Structures are given as structure tokens and as C-alpha cells.
Amino acid sequence: MQRLMALSNPRAGQAFIDYMASRQIDIRMMPEGEGQFALWVVSDDAYLLEVESELQAFLNNPNDTKYQSASWEMADTRTAKFTYGSPNLLKMIKAKAGAFTLLVMVACIVIFALQQLGWNNSIFQALHFPAYQGQSIEVWRWFSHALLHFSATHIIFNLLWWWQLGGDIELRLGKTKLVQLFLFSALFSGLGQFWIEGANFGGLSGVVYALLGYSWFIGWLAPEKGISVSKPIVGFMLVWLVLGYVQPFMAIANTAHLAGLITGCVIAFVDSKLKKA
């Protein structure tokens, strides 16, 4: 199942669905919240190019009589009008995530599960940021701290943003770019947090802030790459970053967040200059 687009007018979407059904191609519409409905291709991926071409034609002229005619023709065959099912959760996740996005998600989930089963201390000791001189040669530690999480809220929040931001980057710019962002941001966010508070930290949030910074700046500096993030999301994440410094109740790796954000912004700036060179 492949996601095509989101729209706010389900009746217009139904006209396109009916037209494609007349061509033996199955399209489904599912609600996404806030008045938005997503169109999903259920038929074989071999039809995807045809569907995308027809969708562009529909968006250019949604009032074409062929769509209205298709709706009339399909009206008698529909068992229920404007009833939208829920897509398979795994298919939804895979539709917006490449191999590396999914790999990191699975690694975080497996590690978190093992921590809950009684191996929390041993796993932390094996994966935390290098705290002593002898650990600095254990190369994985410079990055593996990003895979550690200490509560359900912690891992859910981070994985949702990783999936949202990282998935977009991997699908549009490729796995190599996302791997680069992960490695650089894990390294520099870890270094920053260790310098301020030592090695007692973990989590993907420094990387998430790097993805935010990258998406924000690359959308501004090189919009042709097709990566962007909305202003409300940027505002929310920046407010959360500031709150992390001023609230006295939660232990938050604020320096990791800030270092990750700066790392992502810098990589976006470099990428935008390389593109123009």
C-alpha cells in the first residue's frame, strides 16, 4: 500500500477513487485527523506510475466530466458511500520509512524491551557514551548511546519524530544522507552532553533535533530538494528545547538537543552550498 497525498475534500477524493476504480485500480481514502484524508493505492505497485499520472491530471482539472461520469457509474456498485477503513499499521509505517529508518526503530525497540526484562544496567554499561579513556577506542559507544531510552514516553516521543523526519529524508534524499545525519548528530550531541554533564544519558532526541534542524534549513536554503518542516512544528520543538533548560522537574539532555540542532543546521548549510557549487 502506497500513500499518494492528503486532501481536505473527501467528496473530490471519492470522484478520483471512482474514476480509478473504473480502470480496475483500487484506491482507498483514510482519515488522518484535522480534517485531512489520505489517498492510498491498494493495487499492485506496478500501477503506481499510472496512478500518479492520473492524480496529477485530476488535480489540474478536478471538474472534468470524466470524473463525474465515473462517480455515477460506480454509485450502484459501491456497497457503502464515504466509509473509510483504517490501513494496516505496519504498511503505514513502511510507506513512510526506508530501510535505515526502520532499522534504527527496531534497534531502539529491541534494546528498550531488553532493558525492561532486567538487563537495563548491563545494556547501559555496554552502550553508553565513552566515559573513560579505555572506552574511547570502543568506537560503537560514540553512536550507540542514541539507541538507549529510559521510559515509554521517552522512546515513543523519539521514535515518532525519527519516523516522521528521518523517513522523509531517507525517502527523498536516500539512505546515505540519513546515515550521515545519524552518525554526525549522535557524535556531536553526545560530545556536547558529555562535556556538560558526563556520560549518564541516552536517547535519540539529539539526532531528532538534528533532523529538525536539517529539514528546517534545507527547506529554506535548497527547497528544490523537497524536504521541509512546517513552522508550527519548528516552533513547538524550539519551545520544548527552551523549556528543557528552565524546568526543574525532568532530567533532560538539553545540551544534546542543542548540539544536535546545530549539527543538522550546519549539514544543511553545507549541502546547500555544495549543490550550488
Protein backbone atom coordinates (compact mmCIF):
# COMPACT_ATOMS: atom_id res chain seq x y z
CA MET A 1 0.00 0.00 0.00
CA GLN A 2 1.41 3.38 -1.06
CA ARG A 3 0.29 6.79 0.23
CA LEU A 4 -0.41 9.29 -2.54
CA MET A 5 -1.41 12.54 -0.87
CA ALA A 6 -3.69 14.15 1.71
CA LEU A 7 -6.67 16.33 0.90
CA SER A 8 -9.39 18.14 2.83
CA ASN A 9 -12.31 17.42 0.48
CA PRO A 10 -13.36 13.75 0.71
CA ARG A 11 -16.02 14.13 -2.00
CA ALA A 12 -13.40 15.24 -4.51
CA GLY A 13 -11.22 12.34 -3.39
CA GLN A 14 -14.13 9.94 -3.92
CA ALA A 15 -14.51 11.17 -7.51
CA PHE A 16 -10.88 10.25 -8.19
CA ILE A 17 -11.33 6.90 -6.43
CA ASP A 18 -14.37 6.12 -8.59
CA TYR A 19 -12.53 7.07 -11.76
CA MET A 20 -9.59 4.81 -10.93
CA ALA A 21 -11.99 2.00 -9.94
CA SER A 22 -13.46 2.20 -13.44
CA ARG A 23 -9.93 1.39 -14.62
CA GLN A 24 -9.68 -1.56 -12.22
CA ILE A 25 -7.28 0.22 -9.85
CA ASP A 26 -8.14 0.19 -6.16
CA ILE A 27 -7.64 3.46 -4.23
CA ARG A 28 -8.70 3.88 -0.61
CA MET A 29 -9.27 7.01 1.46
CA MET A 30 -8.45 7.10 5.18
CA PRO A 31 -8.84 9.94 7.70
CA GLU A 32 -5.64 11.45 9.09
CA GLY A 33 -7.12 13.93 11.56
CA GLU A 34 -7.58 17.69 11.46
CA GLY A 35 -9.97 17.34 8.53
CA GLN A 36 -7.38 15.66 6.28
CA PHE A 37 -7.95 12.47 4.28
CA ALA A 38 -5.15 10.42 2.71
CA LEU A 39 -5.39 8.55 -0.59
CA TRP A 40 -3.69 5.14 -0.58
CA VAL A 41 -3.01 2.87 -3.56
CA VAL A 42 -4.11 -0.66 -2.68
CA SER A 43 -3.48 -2.20 -6.09
CA ASP A 44 -0.14 -3.63 -7.13
CA ASP A 45 2.82 -1.21 -7.21
CA ALA A 46 3.03 -1.76 -10.97
CA TYR A 47 0.10 0.65 -11.27
CA LEU A 48 1.79 3.38 -9.22
CA LEU A 49 3.17 5.42 -12.13
CA GLU A 50 -0.20 5.35 -13.87
CA VAL A 51 -1.96 6.40 -10.67
CA GLU A 52 0.44 9.29 -10.06
CA SER A 53 -0.01 10.49 -13.64
CA GLU A 54 -3.79 10.32 -13.37
CA LEU A 55 -3.70 12.07 -9.99
CA GLN A 56 -1.78 14.99 -11.47
CA ALA A 57 -4.35 15.25 -14.27
CA PHE A 58 -7.15 15.16 -11.68
CA LEU A 59 -5.54 17.90 -9.57
CA ASN A 60 -5.17 20.06 -12.67
CA ASN A 61 -8.82 19.65 -13.62
CA PRO A 62 -10.93 18.04 -10.86
CA ASN A 63 -14.19 19.15 -12.54
CA ASP A 64 -13.58 17.18 -15.71
CA THR A 65 -16.77 15.36 -16.72
CA LYS A 66 -14.99 12.00 -16.82
CA TYR A 67 -14.67 12.04 -13.01
CA GLN A 68 -18.33 12.91 -12.52
CA SER A 69 -19.34 10.22 -15.00
CA ALA A 70 -17.23 7.66 -13.19
CA SER A 71 -18.91 8.54 -9.88
CA TRP A 72 -22.34 7.99 -11.41
CA GLU A 73 -21.25 4.71 -12.95
CA MET A 74 -19.72 3.44 -9.73
CA ALA A 75 -22.53 4.65 -7.46
CA ASP A 76 -24.56 1.47 -7.86
CA THR A 77 -21.58 -0.82 -7.24
CA ARG A 78 -20.40 0.79 -4.04
CA THR A 79 -21.65 -1.11 -1.02
CA ALA A 80 -21.17 1.90 1.22
CA LYS A 81 -20.53 5.52 0.47
CA PHE A 82 -17.88 7.54 2.24
CA THR A 83 -16.86 4.80 4.63
CA TYR A 84 -13.15 4.77 5.14
CA GLY A 85 -11.29 1.93 6.78
CA SER A 86 -8.01 2.02 8.62
CA PRO A 87 -4.84 0.96 6.80
CA ASN A 88 -2.62 -1.76 8.16
CA LEU A 89 -0.34 -0.16 10.77
CA LEU A 90 2.83 -1.88 9.57
CA LYS A 91 2.12 -0.89 5.98
CA MET A 92 1.58 2.72 7.06
CA ILE A 93 4.90 2.73 8.90
CA LYS A 94 6.77 1.16 5.98
CA ALA A 95 5.17 3.53 3.48
CA LYS A 96 6.91 6.49 5.13
CA ALA A 97 10.19 4.89 6.14
CA GLY A 98 13.20 3.48 4.34
CA ALA A 99 15.41 0.60 5.44
CA PHE A 100 17.67 2.63 7.74
CA THR A 101 14.74 4.44 9.38
CA LEU A 102 13.16 1.09 10.18
CA LEU A 103 16.46 -0.47 11.29
CA VAL A 104 17.03 2.24 13.91
CA MET A 105 13.43 1.96 15.12
CA VAL A 106 13.71 -1.80 15.53
CA ALA A 107 17.09 -1.50 17.29
CA CYS A 108 15.68 1.04 19.78
CA ILE A 109 12.61 -1.10 20.46
CA VAL A 110 14.62 -4.31 20.97
CA ILE A 111 17.11 -2.58 23.29
CA PHE A 112 14.29 -0.96 25.29
CA ALA A 113 12.50 -4.30 25.61
CA LEU A 114 15.67 -5.98 26.91
CA GLN A 115 16.11 -3.16 29.42
CA GLN A 116 12.60 -3.79 30.75
CA LEU A 117 13.31 -7.52 31.05
CA GLY A 118 16.06 -6.99 33.60
CA TRP A 119 19.16 -6.16 31.57
CA ASN A 120 18.93 -2.39 31.99
CA ASN A 121 22.24 -1.93 33.79
CA SER A 122 24.27 -4.31 31.63
CA ILE A 123 22.90 -2.81 28.41
CA PHE A 124 23.60 0.73 29.60
CA GLN A 125 27.14 -0.25 30.59
CA ALA A 126 27.70 -1.75 27.13
CA LEU A 127 26.26 1.11 25.05
CA HIS A 128 26.72 4.39 26.95
CA PHE A 129 28.92 7.21 25.67
CA PRO A 130 32.64 6.58 26.40
CA ALA A 131 33.22 7.81 29.94
CA TYR A 132 36.80 6.63 30.49
CA GLN A 133 39.95 6.69 28.44
CA GLY A 134 39.84 2.96 27.77
CA GLN A 135 36.30 3.19 26.41
CA SER A 136 37.19 5.79 23.80
CA ILE A 137 38.58 3.09 21.50
CA GLU A 138 35.27 1.22 21.66
CA VAL A 139 34.02 3.02 18.56
CA TRP A 140 30.37 1.98 18.81
CA ARG A 141 29.96 3.93 22.06
CA TRP A 142 30.25 7.25 20.25
CA PHE A 143 26.94 6.44 18.49
CA SER A 144 25.15 3.64 20.38
CA HIS A 145 24.08 5.95 23.25
CA ALA A 146 21.44 7.27 20.82
CA LEU A 147 19.70 3.87 20.89
CA LEU A 148 19.18 3.89 24.68
CA HIS A 149 15.86 5.00 26.18
CA PHE A 150 14.70 5.09 29.79
CA SER A 151 10.89 5.28 29.68
CA ALA A 152 7.97 4.51 27.41
CA THR A 153 7.31 8.22 26.91
CA HIS A 154 10.95 8.79 26.04
CA ILE A 155 11.12 6.14 23.31
CA ILE A 156 7.66 6.83 21.85
CA PHE A 157 8.33 10.56 21.52
CA ASN A 158 11.72 10.00 19.90
CA LEU A 159 10.67 7.24 17.51
CA LEU A 160 7.65 9.15 16.28
CA TRP A 161 9.81 12.13 15.35
CA TRP A 162 12.57 9.89 13.93
CA TRP A 163 9.97 8.15 11.74
CA GLN A 164 8.39 11.43 10.65
CA LEU A 165 11.54 13.45 9.93
CA GLY A 166 14.02 10.68 9.18
CA GLY A 167 11.56 8.82 6.96
CA ASP A 168 11.06 11.91 4.78
CA ILE A 169 14.80 12.46 4.45
CA GLU A 170 15.58 8.84 3.58
CA LEU A 171 12.79 8.51 1.02
CA ARG A 172 13.64 11.79 -0.71
CA LEU A 173 17.42 12.09 -0.32
CA GLY A 174 18.46 8.48 0.20
CA LYS A 175 19.77 6.22 2.92
CA THR A 176 23.31 7.64 2.78
CA LYS A 177 22.15 11.11 3.79
CA LEU A 178 20.15 9.80 6.74
CA VAL A 179 23.07 7.61 7.89
CA GLN A 180 25.34 10.66 7.68
CA LEU A 181 22.94 12.75 9.75
CA PHE A 182 22.57 9.98 12.33
CA LEU A 183 26.32 9.46 12.77
CA PHE A 184 27.32 13.12 12.90
CA SER A 185 24.47 14.15 15.19
CA ALA A 186 24.92 11.18 17.54
CA LEU A 187 28.62 12.00 17.76
CA PHE A 188 28.36 15.75 18.35
CA SER A 189 25.26 15.66 20.55
CA GLY A 190 26.99 13.02 22.67
CA LEU A 191 30.18 15.05 22.91
CA GLY A 192 28.26 18.15 23.94
CA GLN A 193 26.20 16.37 26.59
CA PHE A 194 29.24 14.52 27.97
CA TRP A 195 31.22 17.74 28.22
CA ILE A 196 28.46 19.36 30.31
CA GLU A 197 27.11 16.51 32.45
CA GLY A 198 29.10 13.32 31.89
CA ALA A 199 28.07 10.01 30.32
CA ASN A 200 24.83 9.37 32.21
CA PHE A 201 22.48 10.00 29.26
CA GLY A 202 20.98 8.32 26.23
CA GLY A 203 18.28 8.63 23.63
CA LEU A 204 17.58 9.56 20.04
CA SER A 205 16.47 13.11 20.78
CA GLY A 206 19.81 14.71 19.84
CA VAL A 207 19.52 13.02 16.45
CA VAL A 208 15.86 14.06 16.18
CA TYR A 209 16.82 17.69 16.73
CA ALA A 210 19.48 17.31 14.03
CA LEU A 211 16.82 16.06 11.62
CA LEU A 212 14.64 19.01 12.59
CA GLY A 213 17.49 21.47 12.00
CA TYR A 214 18.39 19.86 8.69
CA SER A 215 14.79 19.79 7.41
CA TRP A 216 14.24 23.38 8.56
CA PHE A 217 17.38 24.83 6.97
CA ILE A 218 17.42 22.73 3.79
CA GLY A 219 13.81 23.69 3.16
CA TRP A 220 14.85 27.33 3.43
CA LEU A 221 18.22 27.17 1.62
CA ALA A 222 17.52 24.49 -1.00
CA PRO A 223 13.74 23.99 -1.35
CA GLU A 224 14.25 22.08 -4.60
CA LYS A 225 15.35 19.07 -2.54
CA GLY A 226 11.75 18.61 -1.47
CA ILE A 227 12.47 18.50 2.28
CA SER A 228 10.71 20.89 4.63
CA VAL A 229 9.08 21.10 8.04
CA SER A 230 6.16 23.33 8.99
CA LYS A 231 6.68 26.44 11.10
CA PRO A 232 4.35 25.22 13.89
CA ILE A 233 6.47 22.08 14.31
CA VAL A 234 9.70 24.10 14.36
CA GLY A 235 8.14 26.45 16.90
CA PHE A 236 6.94 23.60 19.11
CA MET A 237 10.33 21.87 19.10
CA LEU A 238 12.21 25.09 19.82
CA VAL A 239 9.87 25.91 22.70
CA TRP A 240 10.40 22.38 24.05
CA LEU A 241 14.16 22.93 23.78
CA VAL A 242 13.95 26.15 25.80
CA LEU A 243 11.63 24.58 28.38
CA GLY A 244 14.16 21.82 28.88
CA TYR A 245 16.63 24.39 30.18
CA VAL A 246 14.26 26.22 32.52
CA GLN A 247 12.11 23.45 34.05
CA PRO A 248 13.47 21.91 37.27
CA PHE A 249 11.49 18.66 37.31
CA MET A 250 12.74 16.38 34.49
CA ALA A 251 16.24 15.20 33.68
CA ILE A 252 16.58 16.23 30.02
CA ALA A 253 19.75 16.07 27.89
CA ASN A 254 19.41 19.71 26.86
CA THR A 255 22.92 20.08 25.51
CA ALA A 256 22.45 17.01 23.32
CA HIS A 257 19.31 18.61 21.88
CA LEU A 258 21.05 21.91 21.18
CA ALA A 259 24.19 20.27 19.74
CA GLY A 260 22.03 18.03 17.53
CA LEU A 261 20.03 21.00 16.25
CA ILE A 262 23.21 22.92 15.39
CA THR A 263 24.70 19.85 13.69
CA GLY A 264 21.66 19.42 11.46
CA CYS A 265 21.60 23.11 10.53
CA VAL A 266 25.31 23.06 9.65
CA ILE A 267 24.98 19.96 7.45
CA ALA A 268 22.02 21.56 5.65
CA PHE A 269 24.06 24.74 5.09
CA VAL A 270 26.97 22.71 3.66
CA ASP A 271 24.64 20.67 1.43
CA SER A 272 23.02 23.81 0.06
CA LYS A 273 26.43 25.29 -0.82
CA LEU A 274 27.65 22.06 -2.44
CA LYS A 275 24.52 21.99 -4.59
CA LYS A 276 25.22 25.49 -5.88
CA ALA A 277 28.95 24.92 -6.42
